[in-house]
Amino acid sequence: MESVVSLKDVRKSYYMGSEALLVLKGIDLDIKRGEFISIMGPSGSGKSTLMNLIGLLDRPDSGSLLINKKDISKLNDVELSRLRGKEIGFIFQSFNLVTRMSALKNVELPMIFQGQSSSYRTGVAKKYLEEVGLGDRMVHRPNELSGGQRQRVAIARALVNDPSILLADEPTGNLDLKTGGEIMRLFVELNKSGRTIVMVTHNPEVAEYSQRIIRLKDGLIAGEDTKAADI
């Protein structure tokens, strides 16, 4: 199966004043289309930095990063932004919803940036809200929804541009155990339908929902576990 993400000897540093802090020290990683992987590691291991690179929010200092065989080093900032909007769907721990907008309008937002018409946006947003089980909550604002419902809105929003990759950053971090389990089972269903999911989590129980667990330590891949997801 073809790789949707490919990193070869990727290194990334950040500067603290005049001092360079090497965060990623040579990452080799291939993510196949349709995989569901988790990235784990202690604080400071490079999880967030790796997530930002895969999400095209940052560029490597060296090495190669390909998204759907496109070498991002050859793209200017406008092209990179366009690729990010097309290929990446983001899901955050804090939901990142616009409080004054309904669930429907929140889900429409990414399509506005892609230049889609109002009628198209509404139809697609309704479709995905129904897919995540919120067909009866479309006109409600975030403060009228539970935490689990808000995360479902965020998942629907991440799906509307039909991205190649869903990137989830601690998606159950603000949810109770029962609701977190419901969200993870929704991820499993999305993955079974063909979605590629890359998730950062510190929670081993959450990581068990994925098919492959990548373990980072000190900016390197320290190991990985592969299993058949059967939850």
C-alpha atoms as a PDB file:
ATOM      1  CA  MET A   1       0.000   0.000   0.000  1.00  0.00           C
ATOM      2  CA  GLU A   2       1.279   3.474  -0.868  1.00  0.00           C
ATOM      3  CA  SER A   3       2.570   5.916   1.722  1.00  0.00           C
ATOM      4  CA  VAL A   4       0.505   9.015   2.407  1.00  0.00           C
ATOM      5  CA  VAL A   5       3.286  10.421   4.651  1.00  0.00           C
ATOM      6  CA  SER A   6       6.991   9.701   4.264  1.00  0.00           C
ATOM      7  CA  LEU A   7       9.764  11.175   6.415  1.00  0.00           C
ATOM      8  CA  LYS A   8      13.420  10.419   5.743  1.00  0.00           C
ATOM      9  CA  ASP A   9      16.150  11.539   8.180  1.00  0.00           C
ATOM     10  CA  VAL A  10      14.011  14.509   9.290  1.00  0.00           C
ATOM     11  CA  ARG A  11      15.650  16.894  11.728  1.00  0.00           C
ATOM     12  CA  LYS A  12      14.170  19.949  13.389  1.00  0.00           C
ATOM     13  CA  SER A  13      15.660  22.522  15.769  1.00  0.00           C
ATOM     14  CA  TYR A  14      14.203  25.481  17.594  1.00  0.00           C
ATOM     15  CA  TYR A  15      16.164  28.477  18.790  1.00  0.00           C
ATOM     16  CA  MET A  16      16.126  29.746  22.349  1.00  0.00           C
ATOM     17  CA  GLY A  17      17.926  33.031  21.973  1.00  0.00           C
ATOM     18  CA  SER A  18      21.134  32.185  20.151  1.00  0.00           C
ATOM     19  CA  GLU A  19      21.118  28.555  21.253  1.00  0.00           C
ATOM     20  CA  ALA A  20      19.720  25.848  18.958  1.00  0.00           C
ATOM     21  CA  LEU A  21      17.717  23.049  20.590  1.00  0.00           C
ATOM     22  CA  LEU A  22      17.656  19.935  18.383  1.00  0.00           C
ATOM     23  CA  VAL A  23      14.211  18.384  18.892  1.00  0.00           C
ATOM     24  CA  LEU A  24      13.997  15.787  16.110  1.00  0.00           C
ATOM     25  CA  LYS A  25      17.304  14.042  15.435  1.00  0.00           C
ATOM     26  CA  GLY A  26      16.693  11.979  12.301  1.00  0.00           C
ATOM     27  CA  ILE A  27      13.184  10.588  11.966  1.00  0.00           C
ATOM     28  CA  ASP A  28      12.383   7.886   9.394  1.00  0.00           C
ATOM     29  CA  LEU A  29       8.674   7.128   9.221  1.00  0.00           C
ATOM     30  CA  ASP A  30       6.224   5.918   6.572  1.00  0.00           C
ATOM     31  CA  ILE A  31       2.477   6.068   7.140  1.00  0.00           C
ATOM     32  CA  LYS A  32       0.427   4.001   4.709  1.00  0.00           C
ATOM     33  CA  ARG A  33      -2.918   5.074   3.331  1.00  0.00           C
ATOM     34  CA  GLY A  34      -5.675   3.763   5.599  1.00  0.00           C
ATOM     35  CA  GLU A  35      -3.470   3.298   8.680  1.00  0.00           C
ATOM     36  CA  PHE A  36      -4.453   4.395  12.175  1.00  0.00           C
ATOM     37  CA  ILE A  37      -1.302   5.192  14.158  1.00  0.00           C
ATOM     38  CA  SER A  38      -0.595   6.696  17.556  1.00  0.00           C
ATOM     39  CA  ILE A  39       2.500   8.705  18.454  1.00  0.00           C
ATOM     40  CA  MET A  40       3.550   8.413  22.092  1.00  0.00           C
ATOM     41  CA  GLY A  41       6.471   9.550  24.192  1.00  0.00           C
ATOM     42  CA  PRO A  42       7.411  11.495  27.318  1.00  0.00           C
ATOM     43  CA  SER A  43       7.239  15.262  27.478  1.00  0.00           C
ATOM     44  CA  GLY A  44      10.000  16.754  25.334  1.00  0.00           C
ATOM     45  CA  SER A  45      10.373  13.660  23.151  1.00  0.00           C
ATOM     46  CA  GLY A  46       9.326  15.528  19.986  1.00  0.00           C
ATOM     47  CA  LYS A  47       5.673  14.429  19.627  1.00  0.00           C
ATOM     48  CA  SER A  48       4.267  17.901  19.038  1.00  0.00           C
ATOM     49  CA  THR A  49       7.099  18.867  16.708  1.00  0.00           C
ATOM     50  CA  LEU A  50       6.541  15.743  14.619  1.00  0.00           C
ATOM     51  CA  MET A  51       2.803  16.448  14.561  1.00  0.00           C
ATOM     52  CA  ASN A  52       3.414  20.018  13.371  1.00  0.00           C
ATOM     53  CA  LEU A  53       5.611  18.753  10.533  1.00  0.00           C
ATOM     54  CA  ILE A  54       3.110  16.123   9.387  1.00  0.00           C
ATOM     55  CA  GLY A  55       0.366  18.761   9.634  1.00  0.00           C
ATOM     56  CA  LEU A  56       2.412  21.131   7.427  1.00  0.00           C
ATOM     57  CA  LEU A  57       2.435  23.778  10.148  1.00  0.00           C
ATOM     58  CA  ASP A  58       6.240  23.787  10.059  1.00  0.00           C
ATOM     59  CA  ARG A  59       9.079  22.624   7.814  1.00  0.00           C
ATOM     60  CA  PRO A  60      12.012  20.311   8.589  1.00  0.00           C
ATOM     61  CA  ASP A  61      15.491  21.815   8.835  1.00  0.00           C
ATOM     62  CA  SER A  62      16.819  18.869   6.825  1.00  0.00           C
ATOM     63  CA  GLY A  63      15.717  15.524   5.487  1.00  0.00           C
ATOM     64  CA  SER A  64      12.660  14.968   3.296  1.00  0.00           C
ATOM     65  CA  LEU A  65       8.947  15.096   4.055  1.00  0.00           C
ATOM     66  CA  LEU A  66       6.500  13.899   1.411  1.00  0.00           C
ATOM     67  CA  ILE A  67       2.715  14.175   1.653  1.00  0.00           C
ATOM     68  CA  ASN A  68       1.014  12.095  -1.028  1.00  0.00           C
ATOM     69  CA  LYS A  69       4.372  12.019  -2.848  1.00  0.00           C
ATOM     70  CA  LYS A  70       4.632  15.837  -2.846  1.00  0.00           C
ATOM     71  CA  ASP A  71       7.982  17.069  -1.516  1.00  0.00           C
ATOM     72  CA  ILE A  72       7.088  19.986   0.737  1.00  0.00           C
ATOM     73  CA  SER A  73      10.590  21.483   0.418  1.00  0.00           C
ATOM     74  CA  LYS A  74       9.669  22.407  -3.154  1.00  0.00           C
ATOM     75  CA  LEU A  75       6.545  24.377  -2.131  1.00  0.00           C
ATOM     76  CA  ASN A  76       6.316  28.065  -1.285  1.00  0.00           C
ATOM     77  CA  ASP A  77       4.226  29.227   1.681  1.00  0.00           C
ATOM     78  CA  VAL A  78       1.060  29.749  -0.380  1.00  0.00           C
ATOM     79  CA  GLU A  79       1.347  26.295  -1.962  1.00  0.00           C
ATOM     80  CA  LEU A  80       2.046  24.756   1.442  1.00  0.00           C
ATOM     81  CA  SER A  81      -1.049  26.423   2.922  1.00  0.00           C
ATOM     82  CA  ARG A  82      -3.160  25.196   0.014  1.00  0.00           C
ATOM     83  CA  LEU A  83      -1.843  21.652   0.418  1.00  0.00           C
ATOM     84  CA  ARG A  84      -2.525  21.756   4.168  1.00  0.00           C
ATOM     85  CA  GLY A  85      -6.124  22.848   3.589  1.00  0.00           C
ATOM     86  CA  LYS A  86      -6.674  20.053   1.093  1.00  0.00           C
ATOM     87  CA  GLU A  87      -4.798  17.150   2.663  1.00  0.00           C
ATOM     88  CA  ILE A  88      -4.957  17.629   6.458  1.00  0.00           C
ATOM     89  CA  GLY A  89      -7.930  17.570   8.835  1.00  0.00           C
ATOM     90  CA  PHE A  90      -7.078  18.772  12.363  1.00  0.00           C
ATOM     91  CA  ILE A  91      -8.761  17.620  15.586  1.00  0.00           C
ATOM     92  CA  PHE A  92      -7.620  19.264  18.835  1.00  0.00           C
ATOM     93  CA  GLN A  93      -7.931  18.491  22.529  1.00  0.00           C
ATOM     94  CA  SER A  94      -9.655  21.846  23.136  1.00  0.00           C
ATOM     95  CA  PHE A  95     -12.035  21.466  20.136  1.00  0.00           C
ATOM     96  CA  ASN A  96     -11.192  24.983  18.796  1.00  0.00           C
ATOM     97  CA  LEU A  97     -14.788  25.818  17.871  1.00  0.00           C
ATOM     98  CA  VAL A  98     -16.048  29.361  17.277  1.00  0.00           C
ATOM     99  CA  THR A  99     -18.383  29.975  20.224  1.00  0.00           C
ATOM    100  CA  ARG A 100     -20.745  32.403  18.484  1.00  0.00           C
ATOM    101  CA  MET A 101     -21.418  30.015  15.573  1.00  0.00           C
ATOM    102  CA  SER A 102     -23.742  27.024  15.379  1.00  0.00           C
ATOM    103  CA  ALA A 103     -22.383  23.520  14.925  1.00  0.00           C
ATOM    104  CA  LEU A 104     -23.365  23.742  11.251  1.00  0.00           C
ATOM    105  CA  LYS A 105     -21.503  27.019  10.681  1.00  0.00           C
ATOM    106  CA  ASN A 106     -18.423  25.716  12.527  1.00  0.00           C
ATOM    107  CA  VAL A 107     -18.299  22.702  10.235  1.00  0.00           C
ATOM    108  CA  GLU A 108     -18.664  24.929   7.161  1.00  0.00           C
ATOM    109  CA  LEU A 109     -15.574  27.031   8.023  1.00  0.00           C
ATOM    110  CA  PRO A 110     -12.848  25.012   6.225  1.00  0.00           C
ATOM    111  CA  MET A 111     -14.923  25.062   3.040  1.00  0.00           C
ATOM    112  CA  ILE A 112     -15.130  28.860   3.139  1.00  0.00           C
ATOM    113  CA  PHE A 113     -11.333  28.982   2.979  1.00  0.00           C
ATOM    114  CA  GLN A 114     -11.466  26.600   0.007  1.00  0.00           C
ATOM    115  CA  GLY A 115     -13.854  28.936  -1.834  1.00  0.00           C
ATOM    116  CA  GLN A 116     -16.905  26.627  -1.854  1.00  0.00           C
ATOM    117  CA  SER A 117     -20.403  28.050  -2.409  1.00  0.00           C
ATOM    118  CA  SER A 118     -22.843  28.521   0.469  1.00  0.00           C
ATOM    119  CA  SER A 119     -25.265  25.837  -0.748  1.00  0.00           C
ATOM    120  CA  TYR A 120     -22.439  23.331  -1.215  1.00  0.00           C
ATOM    121  CA  ARG A 121     -21.031  24.077   2.254  1.00  0.00           C
ATOM    122  CA  THR A 122     -24.375  23.600   3.960  1.00  0.00           C
ATOM    123  CA  GLY A 123     -25.047  20.280   2.239  1.00  0.00           C
ATOM    124  CA  VAL A 124     -21.632  18.838   3.040  1.00  0.00           C
ATOM    125  CA  ALA A 125     -21.679  20.111   6.647  1.00  0.00           C
ATOM    126  CA  LYS A 126     -25.080  18.499   7.246  1.00  0.00           C
ATOM    127  CA  LYS A 127     -23.833  15.219   5.783  1.00  0.00           C
ATOM    128  CA  TYR A 128     -20.834  15.004   8.111  1.00  0.00           C
ATOM    129  CA  LEU A 129     -22.724  16.148  11.205  1.00  0.00           C
ATOM    130  CA  GLU A 130     -25.170  13.330  10.542  1.00  0.00           C
ATOM    131  CA  GLU A 131     -22.239  10.931  10.062  1.00  0.00           C
ATOM    132  CA  VAL A 132     -20.884  11.753  13.533  1.00  0.00           C
ATOM    133  CA  GLY A 133     -24.325  11.441  15.142  1.00  0.00           C
ATOM    134  CA  LEU A 134     -25.260  15.113  15.472  1.00  0.00           C
ATOM    135  CA  GLY A 135     -28.028  15.434  12.896  1.00  0.00           C
ATOM    136  CA  ASP A 136     -30.345  16.806  15.595  1.00  0.00           C
ATOM    137  CA  ARG A 137     -27.859  19.337  17.049  1.00  0.00           C
ATOM    138  CA  MET A 138     -26.847  21.352  13.972  1.00  0.00           C
ATOM    139  CA  VAL A 139     -28.262  24.712  15.112  1.00  0.00           C
ATOM    140  CA  HIS A 140     -26.807  24.487  18.622  1.00  0.00           C
ATOM    141  CA  ARG A 141     -23.787  26.565  19.614  1.00  0.00           C
ATOM    142  CA  PRO A 142     -20.780  24.999  21.369  1.00  0.00           C
ATOM    143  CA  ASN A 143     -21.896  26.153  24.838  1.00  0.00           C
ATOM    144  CA  GLU A 144     -25.152  24.232  24.286  1.00  0.00           C
ATOM    145  CA  LEU A 145     -23.290  20.988  23.562  1.00  0.00           C
ATOM    146  CA  SER A 146     -21.529  18.475  25.804  1.00  0.00           C
ATOM    147  CA  GLY A 147     -17.781  17.934  25.536  1.00  0.00           C
ATOM    148  CA  GLY A 148     -18.267  14.784  23.485  1.00  0.00           C
ATOM    149  CA  GLN A 149     -20.686  16.561  21.143  1.00  0.00           C
ATOM    150  CA  ARG A 150     -18.224  19.428  20.683  1.00  0.00           C
ATOM    151  CA  GLN A 151     -15.503  16.958  19.744  1.00  0.00           C
ATOM    152  CA  ARG A 152     -17.888  15.342  17.239  1.00  0.00           C
ATOM    153  CA  VAL A 153     -18.445  18.779  15.681  1.00  0.00           C
ATOM    154  CA  ALA A 154     -14.666  19.181  15.464  1.00  0.00           C
ATOM    155  CA  ILE A 155     -14.351  15.762  13.802  1.00  0.00           C
ATOM    156  CA  ALA A 156     -17.064  16.650  11.267  1.00  0.00           C
ATOM    157  CA  ARG A 157     -15.243  19.922  10.545  1.00  0.00           C
ATOM    158  CA  ALA A 158     -11.996  18.004   9.962  1.00  0.00           C
ATOM    159  CA  LEU A 159     -13.715  15.733   7.424  1.00  0.00           C
ATOM    160  CA  VAL A 160     -15.435  18.236   5.133  1.00  0.00           C
ATOM    161  CA  ASN A 161     -12.565  18.796   2.677  1.00  0.00           C
ATOM    162  CA  ASP A 162     -12.076  15.013   2.396  1.00  0.00           C
ATOM    163  CA  PRO A 163      -8.473  15.163   3.657  1.00  0.00           C
ATOM    164  CA  SER A 164      -5.904  12.434   3.122  1.00  0.00           C
ATOM    165  CA  ILE A 165      -4.931  12.538   6.809  1.00  0.00           C
ATOM    166  CA  LEU A 166      -6.823  13.178  10.034  1.00  0.00           C
ATOM    167  CA  LEU A 167      -4.427  14.564  12.656  1.00  0.00           C
ATOM    168  CA  ALA A 168      -5.725  14.241  16.200  1.00  0.00           C
ATOM    169  CA  ASP A 169      -3.861  15.889  19.079  1.00  0.00           C
ATOM    170  CA  GLU A 170      -4.941  14.360  22.428  1.00  0.00           C
ATOM    171  CA  PRO A 171      -8.540  14.110  21.157  1.00  0.00           C
ATOM    172  CA  THR A 172      -9.888  12.663  24.427  1.00  0.00           C
ATOM    173  CA  GLY A 173      -7.828  14.875  26.754  1.00  0.00           C
ATOM    174  CA  ASN A 174     -10.810  17.025  27.831  1.00  0.00           C
ATOM    175  CA  LEU A 175     -13.334  14.191  27.990  1.00  0.00           C
ATOM    176  CA  ASP A 176     -14.405  11.753  30.684  1.00  0.00           C
ATOM    177  CA  LEU A 177     -13.587   8.060  30.292  1.00  0.00           C
ATOM    178  CA  LYS A 178     -16.965   7.002  28.833  1.00  0.00           C
ATOM    179  CA  THR A 179     -17.161   9.882  26.355  1.00  0.00           C
ATOM    180  CA  GLY A 180     -13.525   9.409  25.377  1.00  0.00           C
ATOM    181  CA  GLY A 181     -14.262   5.769  24.568  1.00  0.00           C
ATOM    182  CA  GLU A 182     -17.190   6.824  22.363  1.00  0.00           C
ATOM    183  CA  ILE A 183     -14.952   9.244  20.462  1.00  0.00           C
ATOM    184  CA  MET A 184     -12.266   6.608  19.991  1.00  0.00           C
ATOM    185  CA  ARG A 185     -14.806   4.114  18.655  1.00  0.00           C
ATOM    186  CA  LEU A 186     -15.875   6.797  16.180  1.00  0.00           C
ATOM    187  CA  PHE A 187     -12.221   7.081  15.086  1.00  0.00           C
ATOM    188  CA  VAL A 188     -12.105   3.313  14.581  1.00  0.00           C
ATOM    189  CA  GLU A 189     -15.217   3.481  12.382  1.00  0.00           C
ATOM    190  CA  LEU A 190     -13.736   6.361  10.370  1.00  0.00           C
ATOM    191  CA  ASN A 191     -10.555   4.340   9.913  1.00  0.00           C
ATOM    192  CA  LYS A 192     -12.528   1.283   8.784  1.00  0.00           C
ATOM    193  CA  SER A 193     -14.137   3.489   6.129  1.00  0.00           C
ATOM    194  CA  GLY A 194     -10.652   4.223   4.758  1.00  0.00           C
ATOM    195  CA  ARG A 195      -9.504   7.304   6.662  1.00  0.00           C
ATOM    196  CA  THR A 196      -5.822   7.641   7.562  1.00  0.00           C
ATOM    197  CA  ILE A 197      -5.534   8.774  11.192  1.00  0.00           C
ATOM    198  CA  VAL A 198      -2.431  10.013  13.009  1.00  0.00           C
ATOM    199  CA  MET A 199      -2.997  10.644  16.719  1.00  0.00           C
ATOM    200  CA  VAL A 200      -0.747  12.038  19.436  1.00  0.00           C
ATOM    201  CA  THR A 201      -1.649  10.789  22.900  1.00  0.00           C
ATOM    202  CA  HIS A 202      -0.032  10.222  26.279  1.00  0.00           C
ATOM    203  CA  ASN A 203      -2.720   7.708  27.249  1.00  0.00           C
ATOM    204  CA  PRO A 204      -1.820   4.029  26.602  1.00  0.00           C
ATOM    205  CA  GLU A 205      -5.493   2.988  26.731  1.00  0.00           C
ATOM    206  CA  VAL A 206      -6.364   5.489  24.004  1.00  0.00           C
ATOM    207  CA  ALA A 207      -3.368   4.398  21.908  1.00  0.00           C
ATOM    208  CA  GLU A 208      -4.650   0.807  22.007  1.00  0.00           C
ATOM    209  CA  TYR A 209      -7.439   1.790  19.610  1.00  0.00           C
ATOM    210  CA  SER A 210      -4.848   2.336  16.852  1.00  0.00           C
ATOM    211  CA  GLN A 211      -3.155  -0.280  14.676  1.00  0.00           C
ATOM    212  CA  ARG A 212       0.406   0.941  15.201  1.00  0.00           C
ATOM    213  CA  ILE A 213       2.028   2.808  18.095  1.00  0.00           C
ATOM    214  CA  ILE A 214       5.157   4.856  17.374  1.00  0.00           C
ATOM    215  CA  ARG A 215       7.221   5.560  20.491  1.00  0.00           C
ATOM    216  CA  LEU A 216       9.467   8.631  20.555  1.00  0.00           C
ATOM    217  CA  LYS A 217      12.297   9.279  22.970  1.00  0.00           C
ATOM    218  CA  ASP A 218      14.808  12.143  22.855  1.00  0.00           C
ATOM    219  CA  GLY A 219      13.869  13.106  19.302  1.00  0.00           C
ATOM    220  CA  LEU A 220      14.199   9.606  17.839  1.00  0.00           C
ATOM    221  CA  ILE A 221      11.869   6.687  17.206  1.00  0.00           C
ATOM    222  CA  ALA A 222      12.643   4.342  20.085  1.00  0.00           C
ATOM    223  CA  GLY A 223      10.342   1.564  18.915  1.00  0.00           C
ATOM    224  CA  GLU A 224       6.900   0.680  17.650  1.00  0.00           C
ATOM    225  CA  ASP A 225       4.123  -1.804  18.330  1.00  0.00           C
ATOM    226  CA  THR A 226       1.903  -3.154  15.594  1.00  0.00           C
ATOM    227  CA  LYS A 227      -1.387  -4.896  16.180  1.00  0.00           C
ATOM    228  CA  ALA A 228      -4.722  -5.580  14.547  1.00  0.00           C
ATOM    229  CA  ALA A 229      -7.273  -3.096  15.839  1.00  0.00           C
ATOM    230  CA  ASP A 230     -10.237  -5.139  17.045  1.00  0.00           C
ATOM    231  CA  ILE A 231     -12.037  -2.758  19.355  1.00  0.00           C
END
